[in-house]
Amino acid sequence: MTVPALLAVVEGSSDVTDDGTLELLLTAVRRAAPEVRVVPALIDVHQPELGGVLSTEFDDDEPVVAVPLMLAPGSHLHGDLERELGAEPPRPATLAPALGGDDAIVELLAYRLLHSGLGPDDVIVMAAVGSSDHHVVRESVDVGRRLAHLLERYVTVGFLTAAVPRLSGAVDTMRRLHPGSRVAVSTFLLSPGGFADAIAEVGGDVIAGPLMMPGRRPPQALVDLVLARYRAGAMQLAQVGHP
């Protein structure tokens, strides 16, 4: 059986690759699975254009598992990616789920908080980007709920854009409800950038940054999760009879 390629789909403009965190993750994935060809695809939320990457980087009959390196892509973007993968000419391809709903992400958020100086009396705000897509908002709230369960303390979720409560308001509310307590902010992002910078400036006493940081090896749990998504997709291709 031909080993499917891993198409690592990243949302954003070219500046998301400037700090090297993406390449560090892809390098770690390649080292963990040297038999797998890993191809990055940088897309924009308004114009996925996966077809161009597929046509230039892959033969028509090469099996492909697309893994979104995203925590919570909107349903619109996910649907666009599915259509791109299913476009003519037909090819053996499947789209894996995004990373954000997995327990490994919740555990990494907890780890980042604990190793950023979270104290026993601190209150927690999980900072998410936000979206007009209610599925994205609901998934972010669910991650916050699971983080609260894991840490055995209350976690509220605040959004930078398009959803409420807004992050600054959530931080202010926690200060008002818990006078004298520090506010710890958990960053629900994979990598640095403008959103992470805005979260860091919201005024938290403790800031747990994104899951990946420039110049640091990506967490092994994240590498394992990417490969788990890929292998599940490869198994799906095998089950429907693609060689």
Protein backbone atom coordinates (compact mmCIF):
# COMPACT_ATOMS: atom_id res chain seq x y z
CA MET A 1 0.00 0.00 0.00
CA THR A 2 1.25 3.50 -0.87
CA VAL A 3 1.93 5.56 2.22
CA PRO A 4 -0.37 8.62 2.07
CA ALA A 5 1.20 12.05 2.22
CA LEU A 6 0.40 14.38 5.10
CA LEU A 7 -0.86 17.74 3.89
CA ALA A 8 -0.39 20.11 6.84
CA VAL A 9 -2.99 22.86 6.37
CA VAL A 10 -2.24 26.15 8.12
CA GLU A 11 -4.63 29.09 8.16
CA GLY A 12 -3.30 32.62 7.89
CA SER A 13 -0.99 34.88 5.95
CA SER A 14 2.68 34.24 5.31
CA ASP A 15 3.69 35.92 8.57
CA VAL A 16 2.50 32.87 10.52
CA THR A 17 5.63 31.07 9.35
CA ASP A 18 8.11 33.88 10.03
CA ASP A 19 8.96 32.88 13.60
CA GLY A 20 9.81 29.29 12.67
CA THR A 21 7.34 27.57 14.99
CA LEU A 22 5.49 25.89 12.12
CA GLU A 23 8.69 24.55 10.60
CA LEU A 24 9.80 23.22 13.99
CA LEU A 25 6.52 21.31 14.27
CA LEU A 26 6.75 19.90 10.75
CA THR A 27 10.38 18.91 11.33
CA ALA A 28 9.39 17.07 14.50
CA VAL A 29 6.57 15.29 12.63
CA ARG A 30 8.97 14.24 9.88
CA ARG A 31 11.46 12.89 12.41
CA ALA A 32 8.75 10.92 14.20
CA ALA A 33 7.42 9.44 10.95
CA PRO A 34 10.21 9.51 8.34
CA GLU A 35 8.22 7.31 5.99
CA VAL A 36 5.56 10.02 5.57
CA ARG A 37 5.92 12.85 3.08
CA VAL A 38 4.85 16.07 4.85
CA VAL A 39 3.77 19.00 2.69
CA PRO A 40 2.65 22.34 4.19
CA ALA A 41 -0.23 24.32 2.67
CA LEU A 42 -0.79 27.90 3.81
CA ILE A 43 -4.36 29.02 3.15
CA ASP A 44 -6.51 32.06 3.76
CA VAL A 45 -9.89 31.79 5.44
CA HIS A 46 -11.56 33.53 2.50
CA GLN A 47 -9.73 31.66 -0.25
CA PRO A 48 -8.47 28.18 0.61
CA GLU A 49 -6.99 27.47 -2.86
CA LEU A 50 -5.96 23.98 -1.83
CA GLY A 51 -6.46 22.92 -5.42
CA GLY A 52 -3.30 24.73 -6.47
CA VAL A 53 -1.23 22.96 -3.83
CA LEU A 54 -2.74 19.58 -4.70
CA SER A 55 -2.13 20.00 -8.42
CA THR A 56 1.47 21.17 -8.08
CA GLU A 57 2.68 19.02 -5.18
CA PHE A 58 0.92 15.68 -5.76
CA ASP A 59 0.25 13.21 -8.54
CA ASP A 60 -3.46 12.66 -9.22
CA ASP A 61 -3.36 9.14 -7.76
CA GLU A 62 -1.21 9.93 -4.68
CA PRO A 63 -3.22 9.41 -1.48
CA VAL A 64 -3.37 12.48 0.76
CA VAL A 65 -4.48 13.02 4.35
CA ALA A 66 -5.05 16.72 5.02
CA VAL A 67 -4.53 17.63 8.69
CA PRO A 68 -5.64 21.15 9.69
CA LEU A 69 -3.00 22.55 12.04
CA MET A 70 -5.70 24.63 13.67
CA LEU A 71 -7.50 24.56 17.00
CA ALA A 72 -10.99 25.55 15.89
CA PRO A 73 -11.54 26.26 12.19
CA GLY A 74 -15.00 27.53 11.31
CA SER A 75 -17.46 25.22 9.60
CA HIS A 76 -17.28 27.42 6.49
CA LEU A 77 -13.53 26.89 6.18
CA HIS A 78 -13.85 23.17 6.93
CA GLY A 79 -16.51 22.83 4.24
CA ASP A 80 -14.33 24.70 1.74
CA LEU A 81 -11.44 22.35 2.44
CA GLU A 82 -13.66 19.30 1.96
CA ARG A 83 -14.84 20.65 -1.39
CA GLU A 84 -11.28 21.37 -2.50
CA LEU A 85 -10.19 17.84 -1.64
CA GLY A 86 -13.21 16.36 -3.43
CA ALA A 87 -12.89 18.47 -6.59
CA GLU A 88 -12.18 17.03 -10.01
CA PRO A 89 -10.08 15.20 -10.94
CA PRO A 90 -11.01 12.79 -8.14
CA ARG A 91 -8.13 11.79 -5.92
CA PRO A 92 -7.70 9.51 -2.86
CA ALA A 93 -7.87 12.15 -0.14
CA THR A 94 -9.49 12.76 3.22
CA LEU A 95 -9.70 15.66 5.68
CA ALA A 96 -8.82 14.95 9.31
CA PRO A 97 -10.44 16.80 12.22
CA ALA A 98 -8.74 19.90 13.58
CA LEU A 99 -6.61 19.63 16.71
CA GLY A 100 -8.56 21.68 19.24
CA GLY A 101 -11.12 19.17 20.40
CA ASP A 102 -8.61 16.62 21.61
CA ASP A 103 -7.81 15.92 25.27
CA ALA A 104 -4.13 16.44 24.45
CA ILE A 105 -4.79 20.12 23.76
CA VAL A 106 -6.60 20.56 27.07
CA GLU A 107 -3.71 18.88 28.88
CA LEU A 108 -1.19 21.12 27.11
CA LEU A 109 -3.16 24.22 28.13
CA ALA A 110 -3.04 23.03 31.75
CA TYR A 111 0.68 22.28 31.49
CA ARG A 112 1.40 25.77 30.07
CA LEU A 113 -0.54 27.39 32.93
CA LEU A 114 1.18 25.36 35.63
CA HIS A 115 4.63 26.04 34.19
CA SER A 116 3.92 29.74 33.74
CA GLY A 117 3.47 30.26 37.46
CA LEU A 118 -0.19 29.44 38.15
CA GLY A 119 -0.80 29.75 41.88
CA PRO A 120 -3.33 27.91 44.05
CA ASP A 121 -5.49 31.01 44.52
CA ASP A 122 -5.31 32.36 40.98
CA VAL A 123 -8.46 32.68 38.88
CA ILE A 124 -8.28 31.62 35.23
CA VAL A 125 -9.47 33.17 31.99
CA MET A 126 -8.98 31.13 28.82
CA ALA A 127 -8.41 33.52 25.91
CA ALA A 128 -9.74 32.46 22.51
CA VAL A 129 -9.83 34.32 19.21
CA GLY A 130 -13.59 34.16 18.72
CA SER A 131 -15.69 33.77 15.59
CA SER A 132 -19.09 34.53 14.13
CA ASP A 133 -19.40 30.76 13.67
CA HIS A 134 -21.26 29.47 16.72
CA HIS A 135 -19.61 26.06 16.34
CA VAL A 136 -16.20 27.64 16.95
CA VAL A 137 -17.46 29.54 19.98
CA ARG A 138 -19.14 26.45 21.41
CA GLU A 139 -16.00 24.36 20.94
CA SER A 140 -13.87 27.00 22.69
CA VAL A 141 -16.30 27.11 25.61
CA ASP A 142 -16.18 23.31 25.80
CA VAL A 143 -12.38 23.37 25.94
CA GLY A 144 -12.60 25.88 28.79
CA ARG A 145 -15.02 23.60 30.63
CA ARG A 146 -12.70 20.63 30.23
CA LEU A 147 -9.71 22.68 31.35
CA ALA A 148 -11.66 23.64 34.48
CA HIS A 149 -12.42 19.98 35.14
CA LEU A 150 -8.78 18.99 34.69
CA LEU A 151 -7.48 21.73 36.99
CA GLU A 152 -10.40 21.37 39.41
CA ARG A 153 -11.11 25.09 39.46
CA TYR A 154 -13.36 27.54 37.65
CA VAL A 155 -12.31 28.75 34.18
CA THR A 156 -14.10 31.45 32.24
CA VAL A 157 -13.59 31.96 28.50
CA GLY A 158 -13.05 35.38 26.91
CA PHE A 159 -12.89 36.18 23.20
CA LEU A 160 -10.81 38.70 21.30
CA THR A 161 -13.30 39.16 18.46
CA ALA A 162 -16.82 38.40 17.24
CA ALA A 163 -18.11 36.69 20.41
CA VAL A 164 -18.90 37.50 24.02
CA PRO A 165 -17.74 37.87 26.65
CA ARG A 166 -14.85 39.86 25.28
CA LEU A 167 -11.50 38.99 26.79
CA SER A 168 -10.91 42.34 28.49
CA GLY A 169 -14.37 42.18 30.04
CA ALA A 170 -13.81 38.63 31.25
CA VAL A 171 -10.54 39.65 32.94
CA ASP A 172 -12.21 42.68 34.56
CA THR A 173 -15.12 40.55 35.78
CA MET A 174 -12.80 38.01 37.39
CA ARG A 175 -10.92 40.80 39.16
CA ARG A 176 -14.18 42.22 40.46
CA LEU A 177 -15.54 38.86 41.60
CA HIS A 178 -12.24 37.75 43.17
CA PRO A 179 -10.59 40.82 44.70
CA GLY A 180 -7.08 40.11 45.83
CA SER A 181 -6.64 37.12 43.51
CA ARG A 182 -4.33 37.13 40.55
CA VAL A 183 -5.81 36.55 37.08
CA ALA A 184 -4.07 33.87 35.02
CA VAL A 185 -4.69 33.94 31.28
CA SER A 186 -4.48 30.75 29.23
CA THR A 187 -3.83 31.31 25.51
CA PHE A 188 -5.92 29.02 23.30
CA LEU A 189 -3.63 29.39 20.29
CA LEU A 190 -1.12 27.10 18.63
CA SER A 191 1.54 29.69 17.85
CA PRO A 192 2.58 33.33 18.36
CA GLY A 193 1.36 36.22 16.25
CA GLY A 194 -0.90 39.23 16.43
CA PHE A 195 -3.63 37.47 18.39
CA ALA A 196 -1.16 36.16 20.95
CA ASP A 197 0.30 39.65 21.31
CA ALA A 198 -3.18 41.07 21.97
CA ILE A 199 -3.83 38.40 24.61
CA ALA A 200 -0.54 39.16 26.32
CA GLU A 201 -1.52 42.83 26.59
CA VAL A 202 -4.91 42.25 28.22
CA GLY A 203 -3.51 42.75 31.71
CA GLY A 204 -3.30 39.27 33.18
CA ASP A 205 -1.03 38.73 36.15
CA VAL A 206 0.08 35.39 34.74
CA ILE A 207 0.15 34.82 30.97
CA ALA A 208 0.49 31.27 29.67
CA GLY A 209 1.49 31.77 26.04
CA PRO A 210 0.60 29.74 22.95
CA LEU A 211 1.22 26.01 22.80
CA MET A 212 4.26 26.54 20.55
CA MET A 213 6.95 29.12 21.16
CA PRO A 214 9.71 30.41 18.84
CA GLY A 215 12.98 28.56 19.17
CA ARG A 216 11.54 25.82 21.35
CA ARG A 217 10.91 22.25 20.36
CA PRO A 218 7.16 21.70 20.00
CA PRO A 219 5.49 19.62 22.71
CA GLN A 220 5.72 15.92 21.95
CA ALA A 221 2.02 15.59 22.71
CA LEU A 222 1.29 17.99 19.86
CA VAL A 223 3.49 16.04 17.45
CA ASP A 224 1.77 12.83 18.53
CA LEU A 225 -1.66 14.40 18.01
CA VAL A 226 -0.83 15.51 14.46
CA LEU A 227 0.32 11.99 13.62
CA ALA A 228 -2.71 10.44 15.31
CA ARG A 229 -4.98 12.60 13.13
CA TYR A 230 -2.94 11.58 10.07
CA ARG A 231 -2.99 7.85 10.87
CA ALA A 232 -6.73 7.84 11.46
CA GLY A 233 -7.18 9.46 8.06
CA ALA A 234 -4.81 6.98 6.42
CA MET A 235 -6.81 4.12 7.92
CA GLN A 236 -9.99 5.66 6.57
CA LEU A 237 -8.48 5.76 3.08
CA ALA A 238 -7.43 2.12 3.37
CA GLN A 239 -10.91 1.08 4.48
CA VAL A 240 -12.57 2.62 1.43
CA GLY A 241 -10.16 0.80 -0.83
CA HIS A 242 -7.63 3.36 -1.91
CA PRO A 243 -4.29 1.72 -2.66
